[in-house]
Amino acid sequence: MNNIALGIKGEKLAQKFLKKNKYKILETNYKCQIGEIDIVATKNNFLVFVEVKTRQSTKFGLPREAVDEYKQHKLKTLALYYQRAKNLFDMPVMFAVVEVLGDEITLIENAF
């Protein structure tokens, strides 16, 4: 399976997993001029920005390890852009990572 197909599969699994865990999905693959947010959701009155990382093996490390300082900074910038665009400054924000490793899904809330 190529990386694009693997990523799409991982995002679908992540959406299903989040819904099962009482997240309300607002948007998927939100694109703007500075980048893309995989999933925007709400849970317990939090606006949650979710990064999905999918891998078939740990040959190159755990998927969550790809959410480095650079990626975290980018996601924070994207989240602020989204809040401005949607006028959602009244909700507290949380960042989460959904790690898909083979058939195993791990949700990391308050990831950074």
N, C-alpha and C. Protein backbone atom coordinates (compact mmCIF):
# COMPACT_ATOMS: atom_id res chain seq x y z
N MET A 1 0.85 -1.18 0.00
CA MET A 1 0.00 0.00 0.00
C MET A 1 0.90 1.24 0.00
N ASN A 2 0.60 2.21 -0.88
CA ASN A 2 1.42 3.42 -0.91
C ASN A 2 1.07 4.35 0.25
N ASN A 3 1.90 5.36 0.47
CA ASN A 3 1.73 6.25 1.62
C ASN A 3 0.41 7.02 1.60
N ILE A 4 -0.03 7.44 0.44
CA ILE A 4 -1.29 8.19 0.35
C ILE A 4 -2.46 7.31 0.74
N ALA A 5 -2.51 6.11 0.18
CA ALA A 5 -3.60 5.18 0.51
C ALA A 5 -3.56 4.81 1.99
N LEU A 6 -2.37 4.60 2.51
CA LEU A 6 -2.22 4.27 3.93
C LEU A 6 -2.71 5.42 4.80
N GLY A 7 -2.37 6.64 4.43
CA GLY A 7 -2.81 7.81 5.18
C GLY A 7 -4.33 7.96 5.17
N ILE A 8 -4.94 7.76 4.01
CA ILE A 8 -6.39 7.85 3.89
C ILE A 8 -7.07 6.79 4.75
N LYS A 9 -6.54 5.58 4.69
CA LYS A 9 -7.09 4.49 5.51
C LYS A 9 -6.97 4.84 7.01
N GLY A 10 -5.82 5.36 7.41
CA GLY A 10 -5.60 5.74 8.80
C GLY A 10 -6.56 6.82 9.26
N GLU A 11 -6.80 7.80 8.40
CA GLU A 11 -7.71 8.89 8.76
C GLU A 11 -9.14 8.38 8.90
N LYS A 12 -9.55 7.48 8.06
CA LYS A 12 -10.90 6.89 8.17
C LYS A 12 -11.03 6.11 9.49
N LEU A 13 -10.02 5.32 9.81
CA LEU A 13 -10.04 4.57 11.07
C LEU A 13 -10.06 5.52 12.26
N ALA A 14 -9.29 6.60 12.17
CA ALA A 14 -9.24 7.58 13.26
C ALA A 14 -10.61 8.24 13.46
N GLN A 15 -11.27 8.59 12.38
CA GLN A 15 -12.60 9.21 12.49
C GLN A 15 -13.58 8.27 13.19
N LYS A 16 -13.57 7.04 12.77
CA LYS A 16 -14.46 6.04 13.36
C LYS A 16 -14.15 5.87 14.86
N PHE A 17 -12.87 5.81 15.19
CA PHE A 17 -12.43 5.65 16.57
C PHE A 17 -12.85 6.85 17.42
N LEU A 18 -12.66 8.05 16.88
CA LEU A 18 -13.03 9.26 17.62
C LEU A 18 -14.54 9.31 17.87
N LYS A 19 -15.33 8.99 16.86
CA LYS A 19 -16.79 8.98 17.03
C LYS A 19 -17.20 7.98 18.11
N LYS A 20 -16.58 6.82 18.09
CA LYS A 20 -16.86 5.79 19.09
C LYS A 20 -16.53 6.29 20.50
N ASN A 21 -15.55 7.20 20.60
CA ASN A 21 -15.13 7.75 21.88
C ASN A 21 -15.75 9.11 22.16
N LYS A 22 -16.91 9.35 21.56
CA LYS A 22 -17.76 10.51 21.84
C LYS A 22 -17.21 11.86 21.37
N TYR A 23 -16.38 11.84 20.36
CA TYR A 23 -15.95 13.08 19.71
C TYR A 23 -16.96 13.39 18.61
N LYS A 24 -17.27 14.67 18.45
CA LYS A 24 -18.12 15.10 17.35
C LYS A 24 -17.20 15.70 16.29
N ILE A 25 -17.17 15.09 15.14
CA ILE A 25 -16.31 15.54 14.04
C ILE A 25 -16.95 16.76 13.37
N LEU A 26 -16.22 17.85 13.34
CA LEU A 26 -16.70 19.06 12.67
C LEU A 26 -16.21 19.13 11.23
N GLU A 27 -14.94 18.79 11.05
CA GLU A 27 -14.34 18.86 9.71
C GLU A 27 -13.23 17.83 9.59
N THR A 28 -13.02 17.39 8.37
CA THR A 28 -11.87 16.54 8.08
C THR A 28 -11.10 17.18 6.93
N ASN A 29 -9.80 17.05 6.99
CA ASN A 29 -8.91 17.59 5.96
C ASN A 29 -9.20 19.07 5.67
N TYR A 30 -9.26 19.86 6.73
CA TYR A 30 -9.48 21.30 6.59
C TYR A 30 -8.22 21.92 5.99
N LYS A 31 -8.38 22.53 4.82
CA LYS A 31 -7.24 23.13 4.12
C LYS A 31 -7.35 24.64 4.10
N CYS A 32 -6.22 25.29 4.26
CA CYS A 32 -6.13 26.74 4.11
C CYS A 32 -4.76 27.05 3.50
N GLN A 33 -4.45 28.32 3.36
CA GLN A 33 -3.20 28.69 2.68
C GLN A 33 -1.94 28.27 3.43
N ILE A 34 -2.06 27.96 4.73
CA ILE A 34 -0.84 27.59 5.47
C ILE A 34 -0.70 26.10 5.74
N GLY A 35 -1.71 25.32 5.36
CA GLY A 35 -1.59 23.88 5.56
C GLY A 35 -2.93 23.18 5.72
N GLU A 36 -2.88 22.04 6.39
CA GLU A 36 -4.07 21.20 6.53
C GLU A 36 -4.16 20.63 7.94
N ILE A 37 -5.39 20.60 8.45
CA ILE A 37 -5.67 19.96 9.73
C ILE A 37 -6.41 18.67 9.41
N ASP A 38 -5.91 17.55 9.92
CA ASP A 38 -6.53 16.26 9.60
C ASP A 38 -7.98 16.19 10.07
N ILE A 39 -8.20 16.47 11.36
CA ILE A 39 -9.55 16.39 11.92
C ILE A 39 -9.75 17.52 12.92
N VAL A 40 -10.91 18.18 12.81
CA VAL A 40 -11.33 19.15 13.81
C VAL A 40 -12.58 18.57 14.44
N ALA A 41 -12.58 18.50 15.77
CA ALA A 41 -13.70 17.87 16.47
C ALA A 41 -13.99 18.65 17.76
N THR A 42 -15.05 18.23 18.42
CA THR A 42 -15.34 18.75 19.75
C THR A 42 -15.57 17.58 20.69
N LYS A 43 -15.23 17.80 21.95
CA LYS A 43 -15.52 16.84 23.01
C LYS A 43 -15.47 17.58 24.34
N ASN A 44 -16.49 17.39 25.14
CA ASN A 44 -16.57 18.03 26.47
C ASN A 44 -16.31 19.54 26.38
N ASN A 45 -16.92 20.17 25.42
CA ASN A 45 -16.80 21.63 25.20
C ASN A 45 -15.42 22.09 24.79
N PHE A 46 -14.53 21.18 24.42
CA PHE A 46 -13.22 21.53 23.89
C PHE A 46 -13.26 21.48 22.37
N LEU A 47 -12.56 22.40 21.74
CA LEU A 47 -12.31 22.34 20.31
C LEU A 47 -11.02 21.55 20.17
N VAL A 48 -11.08 20.42 19.46
CA VAL A 48 -9.95 19.50 19.41
C VAL A 48 -9.39 19.44 18.00
N PHE A 49 -8.10 19.69 17.90
CA PHE A 49 -7.39 19.59 16.62
C PHE A 49 -6.60 18.29 16.66
N VAL A 50 -6.88 17.43 15.70
CA VAL A 50 -6.34 16.07 15.72
C VAL A 50 -5.39 15.86 14.54
N GLU A 51 -4.21 15.40 14.85
CA GLU A 51 -3.24 14.98 13.84
C GLU A 51 -3.26 13.45 13.81
N VAL A 52 -3.41 12.90 12.63
CA VAL A 52 -3.44 11.44 12.46
C VAL A 52 -2.12 11.00 11.84
N LYS A 53 -1.47 10.04 12.47
CA LYS A 53 -0.22 9.49 11.94
C LYS A 53 -0.39 7.99 11.81
N THR A 54 -0.13 7.49 10.62
CA THR A 54 -0.33 6.07 10.32
C THR A 54 0.95 5.45 9.80
N ARG A 55 1.25 4.29 10.31
CA ARG A 55 2.40 3.51 9.82
C ARG A 55 2.03 2.03 9.87
N GLN A 56 2.73 1.26 9.06
CA GLN A 56 2.52 -0.19 9.05
C GLN A 56 3.45 -0.92 10.01
N SER A 57 4.56 -0.26 10.36
CA SER A 57 5.53 -0.88 11.27
C SER A 57 6.25 0.22 12.04
N THR A 58 7.10 -0.19 12.97
CA THR A 58 7.89 0.78 13.74
C THR A 58 9.31 0.92 13.18
N LYS A 59 9.51 0.46 11.96
CA LYS A 59 10.83 0.53 11.33
C LYS A 59 11.42 1.94 11.40
N PHE A 60 10.58 2.94 11.24
CA PHE A 60 11.03 4.33 11.30
C PHE A 60 10.55 5.02 12.57
N GLY A 61 10.23 4.25 13.61
CA GLY A 61 9.75 4.80 14.88
C GLY A 61 8.25 4.75 14.97
N LEU A 62 7.75 5.14 16.12
CA LEU A 62 6.31 5.19 16.34
C LEU A 62 5.70 6.34 15.54
N PRO A 63 4.48 6.18 15.07
CA PRO A 63 3.84 7.27 14.32
C PRO A 63 3.83 8.59 15.09
N ARG A 64 3.56 8.53 16.40
CA ARG A 64 3.47 9.76 17.20
C ARG A 64 4.78 10.56 17.20
N GLU A 65 5.90 9.87 16.99
CA GLU A 65 7.20 10.55 16.98
C GLU A 65 7.36 11.51 15.81
N ALA A 66 6.51 11.36 14.80
CA ALA A 66 6.56 12.26 13.64
C ALA A 66 5.93 13.62 13.96
N VAL A 67 5.25 13.72 15.09
CA VAL A 67 4.67 15.01 15.49
C VAL A 67 5.70 15.73 16.35
N ASP A 68 6.72 16.21 15.67
CA ASP A 68 7.85 16.87 16.35
C ASP A 68 7.52 18.34 16.64
N GLU A 69 8.49 19.07 17.17
CA GLU A 69 8.28 20.48 17.53
C GLU A 69 7.82 21.32 16.34
N TYR A 70 8.41 21.08 15.19
CA TYR A 70 8.01 21.82 13.99
C TYR A 70 6.54 21.57 13.67
N LYS A 71 6.14 20.31 13.67
CA LYS A 71 4.75 19.95 13.35
C LYS A 71 3.80 20.51 14.41
N GLN A 72 4.19 20.46 15.67
CA GLN A 72 3.35 21.02 16.74
C GLN A 72 3.14 22.51 16.54
N HIS A 73 4.22 23.22 16.21
CA HIS A 73 4.12 24.66 15.97
C HIS A 73 3.18 24.94 14.80
N LYS A 74 3.33 24.16 13.75
CA LYS A 74 2.48 24.33 12.56
C LYS A 74 1.02 24.09 12.91
N LEU A 75 0.74 23.04 13.70
CA LEU A 75 -0.64 22.74 14.09
C LEU A 75 -1.23 23.85 14.96
N LYS A 76 -0.42 24.41 15.83
CA LYS A 76 -0.90 25.52 16.66
C LYS A 76 -1.25 26.73 15.80
N THR A 77 -0.42 27.00 14.81
CA THR A 77 -0.68 28.10 13.88
C THR A 77 -1.95 27.85 13.08
N LEU A 78 -2.10 26.62 12.60
CA LEU A 78 -3.31 26.24 11.85
C LEU A 78 -4.56 26.34 12.73
N ALA A 79 -4.44 25.94 13.98
CA ALA A 79 -5.57 26.00 14.91
C ALA A 79 -6.01 27.45 15.11
N LEU A 80 -5.06 28.35 15.28
CA LEU A 80 -5.39 29.76 15.45
C LEU A 80 -6.07 30.30 14.19
N TYR A 81 -5.56 29.93 13.04
CA TYR A 81 -6.17 30.33 11.77
C TYR A 81 -7.62 29.84 11.71
N TYR A 82 -7.83 28.58 12.08
CA TYR A 82 -9.18 27.99 12.06
C TYR A 82 -10.10 28.74 13.02
N GLN A 83 -9.62 29.00 14.23
CA GLN A 83 -10.43 29.73 15.21
C GLN A 83 -10.84 31.10 14.68
N ARG A 84 -9.92 31.79 14.04
CA ARG A 84 -10.23 33.10 13.46
C ARG A 84 -11.26 32.97 12.35
N ALA A 85 -11.05 32.00 11.47
CA ALA A 85 -11.94 31.82 10.32
C ALA A 85 -13.36 31.45 10.76
N LYS A 86 -13.47 30.70 11.83
CA LYS A 86 -14.78 30.21 12.29
C LYS A 86 -15.30 30.98 13.51
N ASN A 87 -14.55 31.96 13.96
CA ASN A 87 -14.91 32.74 15.15
C ASN A 87 -15.22 31.85 16.35
N LEU A 88 -14.27 30.99 16.68
CA LEU A 88 -14.43 30.02 17.77
C LEU A 88 -13.44 30.27 18.91
N PHE A 89 -13.35 31.49 19.34
CA PHE A 89 -12.43 31.81 20.42
C PHE A 89 -13.01 31.55 21.81
N ASP A 90 -14.30 31.21 21.87
CA ASP A 90 -14.94 31.00 23.16
C ASP A 90 -14.78 29.57 23.69
N MET A 91 -14.12 28.72 22.94
CA MET A 91 -13.93 27.33 23.36
C MET A 91 -12.47 27.06 23.70
N PRO A 92 -12.22 26.34 24.79
CA PRO A 92 -10.83 25.94 25.06
C PRO A 92 -10.37 24.95 23.99
N VAL A 93 -9.07 24.93 23.75
CA VAL A 93 -8.50 24.12 22.68
C VAL A 93 -7.68 22.97 23.25
N MET A 94 -7.75 21.83 22.56
CA MET A 94 -6.91 20.69 22.91
C MET A 94 -6.31 20.14 21.61
N PHE A 95 -5.09 19.66 21.71
CA PHE A 95 -4.45 19.01 20.57
C PHE A 95 -4.33 17.52 20.88
N ALA A 96 -4.66 16.71 19.91
CA ALA A 96 -4.60 15.26 20.08
C ALA A 96 -3.90 14.64 18.89
N VAL A 97 -3.33 13.48 19.13
CA VAL A 97 -2.72 12.70 18.06
C VAL A 97 -3.39 11.33 18.07
N VAL A 98 -3.81 10.88 16.90
CA VAL A 98 -4.29 9.51 16.75
C VAL A 98 -3.21 8.76 16.00
N GLU A 99 -2.70 7.75 16.67
CA GLU A 99 -1.63 6.93 16.12
C GLU A 99 -2.25 5.62 15.62
N VAL A 100 -2.07 5.36 14.34
CA VAL A 100 -2.55 4.11 13.75
C VAL A 100 -1.32 3.30 13.36
N LEU A 101 -1.16 2.18 14.02
CA LEU A 101 -0.01 1.31 13.77
C LEU A 101 -0.55 -0.08 13.47
N GLY A 102 -0.60 -0.40 12.18
CA GLY A 102 -1.23 -1.66 11.79
C GLY A 102 -2.71 -1.59 12.13
N ASP A 103 -3.18 -2.52 12.95
CA ASP A 103 -4.58 -2.54 13.37
C ASP A 103 -4.80 -1.88 14.73
N GLU A 104 -3.73 -1.39 15.33
CA GLU A 104 -3.81 -0.79 16.66
C GLU A 104 -3.96 0.73 16.57
N ILE A 105 -4.96 1.25 17.29
CA ILE A 105 -5.20 2.69 17.30
C ILE A 105 -5.00 3.21 18.72
N THR A 106 -4.21 4.28 18.83
CA THR A 106 -3.96 4.90 20.13
C THR A 106 -4.31 6.38 20.03
N LEU A 107 -5.12 6.84 20.97
CA LEU A 107 -5.48 8.24 21.04
C LEU A 107 -4.65 8.90 22.14
N ILE A 108 -3.95 9.95 21.79
CA ILE A 108 -3.16 10.70 22.76
C ILE A 108 -3.80 12.07 22.89
N GLU A 109 -4.58 12.24 23.96
CA GLU A 109 -5.22 13.52 24.22
C GLU A 109 -4.22 14.44 24.90
N ASN A 110 -4.44 15.75 24.76
CA ASN A 110 -3.50 16.73 25.33
C ASN A 110 -2.07 16.38 24.94
N ALA A 111 -1.89 16.10 23.67
CA ALA A 111 -0.60 15.62 23.17
C ALA A 111 0.52 16.66 23.32
N PHE A 112 0.14 17.92 23.25
CA PHE A 112 1.12 19.01 23.41
C PHE A 112 0.40 20.29 23.73
